[in-house]
Amino acid sequence: MVAVFTGIFLDFSYWWVALVIFGITAITSRSLLEYGDEEEDFYDQLTEKAAKNRQQRLNHVLEKMKEIEKNS
């Protein structure tokens, strides 16, 4: 694979092929990185919501336990 790219660079009649290949690679890489950031943000938000829900459930259980202790 590297030999193919090297050959394209050395043969100046096909410089545009190398330009197109590297351009597509750069655009694809950037798009994938941006998508990864969006996906990471989405999962961070889900994790935060899940943590809040767990804390609310725990607080609810603790309140119920305190009520049971008072009534006992």
PDB file of N, CA and C in Angstrom:
ATOM      1  N   MET A   1       0.834  -1.193   0.000  1.00  0.00           N
ATOM      2  CA  MET A   1       0.000   0.000   0.000  1.00  0.00           C
ATOM      3  C   MET A   1       0.880   1.258   0.000  1.00  0.00           C
ATOM      4  N   VAL A   2       1.883   1.255   0.863  1.00  0.00           N
ATOM      5  CA  VAL A   2       2.790   2.401   0.919  1.00  0.00           C
ATOM      6  C   VAL A   2       3.532   2.543  -0.405  1.00  0.00           C
ATOM      7  N   ALA A   3       3.881   1.387  -0.995  1.00  0.00           N
ATOM      8  CA  ALA A   3       4.592   1.426  -2.275  1.00  0.00           C
ATOM      9  C   ALA A   3       3.719   2.057  -3.360  1.00  0.00           C
ATOM     10  N   VAL A   4       2.436   1.794  -3.316  1.00  0.00           N
ATOM     11  CA  VAL A   4       1.516   2.371  -4.304  1.00  0.00           C
ATOM     12  C   VAL A   4       1.482   3.891  -4.152  1.00  0.00           C
ATOM     13  N   PHE A   5       1.332   4.364  -2.910  1.00  0.00           N
ATOM     14  CA  PHE A   5       1.304   5.811  -2.687  1.00  0.00           C
ATOM     15  C   PHE A   5       2.637   6.457  -3.062  1.00  0.00           C
ATOM     16  N   THR A   6       3.724   5.774  -2.739  1.00  0.00           N
ATOM     17  CA  THR A   6       5.041   6.302  -3.086  1.00  0.00           C
ATOM     18  C   THR A   6       5.192   6.385  -4.601  1.00  0.00           C
ATOM     19  N   GLY A   7       4.729   5.351  -5.282  1.00  0.00           N
ATOM     20  CA  GLY A   7       4.787   5.346  -6.746  1.00  0.00           C
ATOM     21  C   GLY A   7       3.973   6.476  -7.345  1.00  0.00           C
ATOM     22  N   ILE A   8       2.807   6.742  -6.758  1.00  0.00           N
ATOM     23  CA  ILE A   8       1.963   7.832  -7.257  1.00  0.00           C
ATOM     24  C   ILE A   8       2.674   9.170  -7.059  1.00  0.00           C
ATOM     25  N   PHE A   9       3.316   9.332  -5.893  1.00  0.00           N
ATOM     26  CA  PHE A   9       4.032  10.585  -5.637  1.00  0.00           C
ATOM     27  C   PHE A   9       5.230  10.750  -6.566  1.00  0.00           C
ATOM     28  N   LEU A  10       5.921   9.655  -6.841  1.00  0.00           N
ATOM     29  CA  LEU A  10       7.111   9.753  -7.679  1.00  0.00           C
ATOM     30  C   LEU A  10       6.757   9.992  -9.143  1.00  0.00           C
ATOM     31  N   ASP A  11       5.631   9.481  -9.560  1.00  0.00           N
ATOM     32  CA  ASP A  11       5.201   9.676 -10.937  1.00  0.00           C
ATOM     33  C   ASP A  11       4.314  10.928 -10.974  1.00  0.00           C
ATOM     34  N   PHE A  12       4.890  12.038 -11.385  1.00  0.00           N
ATOM     35  CA  PHE A  12       4.192  13.323 -11.287  1.00  0.00           C
ATOM     36  C   PHE A  12       2.996  13.445 -12.222  1.00  0.00           C
ATOM     37  N   SER A  13       2.854  12.520 -13.180  1.00  0.00           N
ATOM     38  CA  SER A  13       1.693  12.598 -14.060  1.00  0.00           C
ATOM     39  C   SER A  13       0.413  12.203 -13.327  1.00  0.00           C
ATOM     40  N   TYR A  14       0.543  11.533 -12.182  1.00  0.00           N
ATOM     41  CA  TYR A  14      -0.631  11.113 -11.407  1.00  0.00           C
ATOM     42  C   TYR A  14      -0.708  11.830 -10.057  1.00  0.00           C
ATOM     43  N   TRP A  15      -0.161  13.027  -9.986  1.00  0.00           N
ATOM     44  CA  TRP A  15      -0.178  13.757  -8.724  1.00  0.00           C
ATOM     45  C   TRP A  15      -1.599  14.048  -8.266  1.00  0.00           C
ATOM     46  N   TRP A  16      -2.505  14.222  -9.218  1.00  0.00           N
ATOM     47  CA  TRP A  16      -3.887  14.538  -8.871  1.00  0.00           C
ATOM     48  C   TRP A  16      -4.575  13.348  -8.199  1.00  0.00           C
ATOM     49  N   VAL A  17      -4.148  12.120  -8.552  1.00  0.00           N
ATOM     50  CA  VAL A  17      -4.725  10.932  -7.913  1.00  0.00           C
ATOM     51  C   VAL A  17      -4.371  10.931  -6.430  1.00  0.00           C
ATOM     52  N   ALA A  18      -3.100  11.209  -6.138  1.00  0.00           N
ATOM     53  CA  ALA A  18      -2.668  11.263  -4.747  1.00  0.00           C
ATOM     54  C   ALA A  18      -3.416  12.375  -4.004  1.00  0.00           C
ATOM     55  N   LEU A  19      -3.599  13.500  -4.665  1.00  0.00           N
ATOM     56  CA  LEU A  19      -4.309  14.613  -4.048  1.00  0.00           C
ATOM     57  C   LEU A  19      -5.748  14.223  -3.711  1.00  0.00           C
ATOM     58  N   VAL A  20      -6.410  13.556  -4.646  1.00  0.00           N
ATOM     59  CA  VAL A  20      -7.791  13.120  -4.421  1.00  0.00           C
ATOM     60  C   VAL A  20      -7.848  12.096  -3.283  1.00  0.00           C
ATOM     61  N   ILE A  21      -6.933  11.126  -3.297  1.00  0.00           N
ATOM     62  CA  ILE A  21      -6.934  10.091  -2.260  1.00  0.00           C
ATOM     63  C   ILE A  21      -6.705  10.706  -0.887  1.00  0.00           C
ATOM     64  N   PHE A  22      -5.724  11.575  -0.775  1.00  0.00           N
ATOM     65  CA  PHE A  22      -5.451  12.186   0.521  1.00  0.00           C
ATOM     66  C   PHE A  22      -6.549  13.168   0.923  1.00  0.00           C
ATOM     67  N   GLY A  23      -7.167  13.819  -0.039  1.00  0.00           N
ATOM     68  CA  GLY A  23      -8.288  14.706   0.271  1.00  0.00           C
ATOM     69  C   GLY A  23      -9.473  13.941   0.832  1.00  0.00           C
ATOM     70  N   ILE A  24      -9.801  12.834   0.187  1.00  0.00           N
ATOM     71  CA  ILE A  24     -10.904  11.990   0.667  1.00  0.00           C
ATOM     72  C   ILE A  24     -10.581  11.448   2.054  1.00  0.00           C
ATOM     73  N   THR A  25      -9.347  11.027   2.235  1.00  0.00           N
ATOM     74  CA  THR A  25      -8.930  10.508   3.542  1.00  0.00           C
ATOM     75  C   THR A  25      -9.056  11.582   4.619  1.00  0.00           C
ATOM     76  N   ALA A  26      -8.624  12.799   4.306  1.00  0.00           N
ATOM     77  CA  ALA A  26      -8.695  13.888   5.289  1.00  0.00           C
ATOM     78  C   ALA A  26     -10.141  14.224   5.632  1.00  0.00           C
ATOM     79  N   ILE A  27     -10.994  14.298   4.626  1.00  0.00           N
ATOM     80  CA  ILE A  27     -12.406  14.620   4.868  1.00  0.00           C
ATOM     81  C   ILE A  27     -13.065  13.523   5.684  1.00  0.00           C
ATOM     82  N   THR A  28     -12.791  12.272   5.319  1.00  0.00           N
ATOM     83  CA  THR A  28     -13.382  11.142   6.037  1.00  0.00           C
ATOM     84  C   THR A  28     -12.907  11.115   7.482  1.00  0.00           C
ATOM     85  N   SER A  29     -11.615  11.327   7.686  1.00  0.00           N
ATOM     86  CA  SER A  29     -11.080  11.320   9.043  1.00  0.00           C
ATOM     87  C   SER A  29     -11.704  12.419   9.884  1.00  0.00           C
ATOM     88  N   ARG A  30     -11.832  13.595   9.305  1.00  0.00           N
ATOM     89  CA  ARG A  30     -12.417  14.718  10.045  1.00  0.00           C
ATOM     90  C   ARG A  30     -13.878  14.429  10.381  1.00  0.00           C
ATOM     91  N   SER A  31     -14.614  13.876   9.417  1.00  0.00           N
ATOM     92  CA  SER A  31     -16.013  13.552   9.662  1.00  0.00           C
ATOM     93  C   SER A  31     -16.146  12.515  10.769  1.00  0.00           C
ATOM     94  N   LEU A  32     -15.284  11.509  10.743  1.00  0.00           N
ATOM     95  CA  LEU A  32     -15.340  10.478  11.772  1.00  0.00           C
ATOM     96  C   LEU A  32     -14.991  11.051  13.142  1.00  0.00           C
ATOM     97  N   LEU A  33     -14.026  11.955  13.189  1.00  0.00           N
ATOM     98  CA  LEU A  33     -13.661  12.567  14.467  1.00  0.00           C
ATOM     99  C   LEU A  33     -14.811  13.405  15.017  1.00  0.00           C
ATOM    100  N   GLU A  34     -15.454  14.171  14.138  1.00  0.00           N
ATOM    101  CA  GLU A  34     -16.573  14.997  14.581  1.00  0.00           C
ATOM    102  C   GLU A  34     -17.730  14.119  15.044  1.00  0.00           C
ATOM    103  N   TYR A  35     -17.985  13.028  14.308  1.00  0.00           N
ATOM    104  CA  TYR A  35     -19.059  12.120  14.708  1.00  0.00           C
ATOM    105  C   TYR A  35     -18.736  11.505  16.063  1.00  0.00           C
ATOM    106  N   GLY A  36     -17.463  11.151  16.265  1.00  0.00           N
ATOM    107  CA  GLY A  36     -17.044  10.583  17.543  1.00  0.00           C
ATOM    108  C   GLY A  36     -17.274  11.542  18.692  1.00  0.00           C
ATOM    109  N   ASP A  37     -17.010  12.835  18.465  1.00  0.00           N
ATOM    110  CA  ASP A  37     -17.231  13.837  19.501  1.00  0.00           C
ATOM    111  C   ASP A  37     -18.709  13.953  19.842  1.00  0.00           C
ATOM    112  N   GLU A  38     -19.556  13.952  18.808  1.00  0.00           N
ATOM    113  CA  GLU A  38     -20.987  14.050  19.046  1.00  0.00           C
ATOM    114  C   GLU A  38     -21.493  12.830  19.805  1.00  0.00           C
ATOM    115  N   GLU A  39     -20.994  11.664  19.411  1.00  0.00           N
ATOM    116  CA  GLU A  39     -21.414  10.432  20.068  1.00  0.00           C
ATOM    117  C   GLU A  39     -20.960  10.425  21.525  1.00  0.00           C
ATOM    118  N   GLU A  40     -19.745  10.890  21.763  1.00  0.00           N
ATOM    119  CA  GLU A  40     -19.213  10.948  23.129  1.00  0.00           C
ATOM    120  C   GLU A  40     -20.056  11.889  23.983  1.00  0.00           C
ATOM    121  N   ASP A  41     -20.429  13.049  23.429  1.00  0.00           N
ATOM    122  CA  ASP A  41     -21.274  13.988  24.163  1.00  0.00           C
ATOM    123  C   ASP A  41     -22.622  13.355  24.499  1.00  0.00           C
ATOM    124  N   PHE A  42     -23.184  12.617  23.537  1.00  0.00           N
ATOM    125  CA  PHE A  42     -24.468  11.956  23.742  1.00  0.00           C
ATOM    126  C   PHE A  42     -24.374  10.959  24.893  1.00  0.00           C
ATOM    127  N   TYR A  43     -23.314  10.145  24.891  1.00  0.00           N
ATOM    128  CA  TYR A  43     -23.161   9.157  25.958  1.00  0.00           C
ATOM    129  C   TYR A  43     -22.858   9.810  27.300  1.00  0.00           C
ATOM    130  N   ASP A  44     -22.147  10.934  27.277  1.00  0.00           N
ATOM    131  CA  ASP A  44     -21.913  11.674  28.523  1.00  0.00           C
ATOM    132  C   ASP A  44     -23.232  12.156  29.114  1.00  0.00           C
ATOM    133  N   GLN A  45     -24.119  12.661  28.262  1.00  0.00           N
ATOM    134  CA  GLN A  45     -25.416  13.129  28.734  1.00  0.00           C
ATOM    135  C   GLN A  45     -26.232  11.972  29.300  1.00  0.00           C
ATOM    136  N   LEU A  46     -26.189  10.818  28.612  1.00  0.00           N
ATOM    137  CA  LEU A  46     -26.915   9.659  29.114  1.00  0.00           C
ATOM    138  C   LEU A  46     -26.366   9.216  30.473  1.00  0.00           C
ATOM    139  N   THR A  47     -25.061   9.239  30.592  1.00  0.00           N
ATOM    140  CA  THR A  47     -24.433   8.837  31.852  1.00  0.00           C
ATOM    141  C   THR A  47     -24.828   9.782  32.982  1.00  0.00           C
ATOM    142  N   GLU A  48     -24.849  11.077  32.690  1.00  0.00           N
ATOM    143  CA  GLU A  48     -25.254  12.050  33.703  1.00  0.00           C
ATOM    144  C   GLU A  48     -26.706  11.822  34.123  1.00  0.00           C
ATOM    145  N   LYS A  49     -27.580  11.582  33.153  1.00  0.00           N
ATOM    146  CA  LYS A  49     -28.993  11.339  33.474  1.00  0.00           C
ATOM    147  C   LYS A  49     -29.137  10.078  34.307  1.00  0.00           C
ATOM    148  N   ALA A  50     -28.394   9.039  33.941  1.00  0.00           N
ATOM    149  CA  ALA A  50     -28.473   7.783  34.691  1.00  0.00           C
ATOM    150  C   ALA A  50     -27.984   7.976  36.121  1.00  0.00           C
ATOM    151  N   ALA A  51     -26.926   8.747  36.293  1.00  0.00           N
ATOM    152  CA  ALA A  51     -26.400   9.006  37.641  1.00  0.00           C
ATOM    153  C   ALA A  51     -27.423   9.778  38.477  1.00  0.00           C
ATOM    154  N   LYS A  52     -28.067  10.758  37.864  1.00  0.00           N
ATOM    155  CA  LYS A  52     -29.088  11.523  38.588  1.00  0.00           C
ATOM    156  C   LYS A  52     -30.259  10.626  38.984  1.00  0.00           C
ATOM    157  N   ASN A  53     -30.689   9.765  38.052  1.00  0.00           N
ATOM    158  CA  ASN A  53     -31.799   8.857  38.349  1.00  0.00           C
ATOM    159  C   ASN A  53     -31.446   7.895  39.479  1.00  0.00           C
ATOM    160  N   ARG A  54     -30.221   7.366  39.466  1.00  0.00           N
ATOM    161  CA  ARG A  54     -29.789   6.463  40.538  1.00  0.00           C
ATOM    162  C   ARG A  54     -29.779   7.189  41.879  1.00  0.00           C
ATOM    163  N   GLN A  55     -29.300   8.421  41.881  1.00  0.00           N
ATOM    164  CA  GLN A  55     -29.249   9.199  43.121  1.00  0.00           C
ATOM    165  C   GLN A  55     -30.655   9.471  43.635  1.00  0.00           C
ATOM    166  N   GLN A  56     -31.581   9.792  42.733  1.00  0.00           N
ATOM    167  CA  GLN A  56     -32.960  10.047  43.153  1.00  0.00           C
ATOM    168  C   GLN A  56     -33.596   8.788  43.730  1.00  0.00           C
ATOM    169  N   ARG A  57     -33.355   7.645  43.107  1.00  0.00           N
ATOM    170  CA  ARG A  57     -33.910   6.386  43.622  1.00  0.00           C
ATOM    171  C   ARG A  57     -33.312   6.057  44.990  1.00  0.00           C
ATOM    172  N   LEU A  58     -32.012   6.274  45.126  1.00  0.00           N
ATOM    173  CA  LEU A  58     -31.352   6.010  46.413  1.00  0.00           C
ATOM    174  C   LEU A  58     -31.918   6.914  47.497  1.00  0.00           C
ATOM    175  N   ASN A  59     -32.092   8.190  47.168  1.00  0.00           N
ATOM    176  CA  ASN A  59     -32.672   9.124  48.155  1.00  0.00           C
ATOM    177  C   ASN A  59     -34.083   8.692  48.547  1.00  0.00           C
ATOM    178  N   HIS A  60     -34.853   8.246  47.578  1.00  0.00           N
ATOM    179  CA  HIS A  60     -36.219   7.794  47.831  1.00  0.00           C
ATOM    180  C   HIS A  60     -36.209   6.584  48.775  1.00  0.00           C
ATOM    181  N   VAL A  61     -35.325   5.637  48.518  1.00  0.00           N
ATOM    182  CA  VAL A  61     -35.231   4.446  49.367  1.00  0.00           C
ATOM    183  C   VAL A  61     -34.809   4.831  50.780  1.00  0.00           C
ATOM    184  N   LEU A  62     -33.835   5.743  50.885  1.00  0.00           N
ATOM    185  CA  LEU A  62     -33.389   6.176  52.216  1.00  0.00           C
ATOM    186  C   LEU A  62     -34.510   6.860  52.986  1.00  0.00           C
ATOM    187  N   GLU A  63     -35.306   7.672  52.308  1.00  0.00           N
ATOM    188  CA  GLU A  63     -36.440   8.335  52.961  1.00  0.00           C
ATOM    189  C   GLU A  63     -37.445   7.309  53.453  1.00  0.00           C
ATOM    190  N   LYS A  64     -37.721   6.311  52.638  1.00  0.00           N
ATOM    191  CA  LYS A  64     -38.676   5.266  53.037  1.00  0.00           C
ATOM    192  C   LYS A  64     -38.148   4.489  54.231  1.00  0.00           C
ATOM    193  N   MET A  65     -36.836   4.218  54.239  1.00  0.00           N
ATOM    194  CA  MET A  65     -36.248   3.499  55.369  1.00  0.00           C
ATOM    195  C   MET A  65     -36.372   4.326  56.654  1.00  0.00           C
ATOM    196  N   LYS A  66     -36.154   5.638  56.542  1.00  0.00           N
ATOM    197  CA  LYS A  66     -36.282   6.509  57.720  1.00  0.00           C
ATOM    198  C   LYS A  66     -37.721   6.530  58.230  1.00  0.00           C
ATOM    199  N   GLU A  67     -38.684   6.553  57.302  1.00  0.00           N
ATOM    200  CA  GLU A  67     -40.093   6.529  57.691  1.00  0.00           C
ATOM    201  C   GLU A  67     -40.430   5.229  58.406  1.00  0.00           C
ATOM    202  N   ILE A  68     -39.912   4.122  57.909  1.00  0.00           N
ATOM    203  CA  ILE A  68     -40.180   2.817  58.527  1.00  0.00           C
ATOM    204  C   ILE A  68     -39.578   2.775  59.927  1.00  0.00           C
ATOM    205  N   GLU A  69     -38.365   3.318  60.082  1.00  0.00           N
ATOM    206  CA  GLU A  69     -37.726   3.347  61.405  1.00  0.00           C
ATOM    207  C   GLU A  69     -38.538   4.204  62.385  1.00  0.00           C
ATOM    208  N   LYS A  70     -39.060   5.349  61.907  1.00  0.00           N
ATOM    209  CA  LYS A  70     -39.859   6.219  62.774  1.00  0.00           C
ATOM    210  C   LYS A  70     -41.131   5.503  63.232  1.00  0.00           C
ATOM    211  N   ASN A  71     -41.753   4.796  62.315  1.00  0.00           N
ATOM    212  CA  ASN A  71     -43.018   4.131  62.620  1.00  0.00           C
ATOM    213  C   ASN A  71     -42.822   2.870  63.454  1.00  0.00           C
ATOM    214  N   SER A  72     -41.613   2.370  63.504  1.00  0.00           N
ATOM    215  CA  SER A  72     -41.389   1.134  64.270  1.00  0.00           C
ATOM    216  C   SER A  72     -41.288   1.373  65.744  1.00  0.00           C
TER     217      SER A  72
END
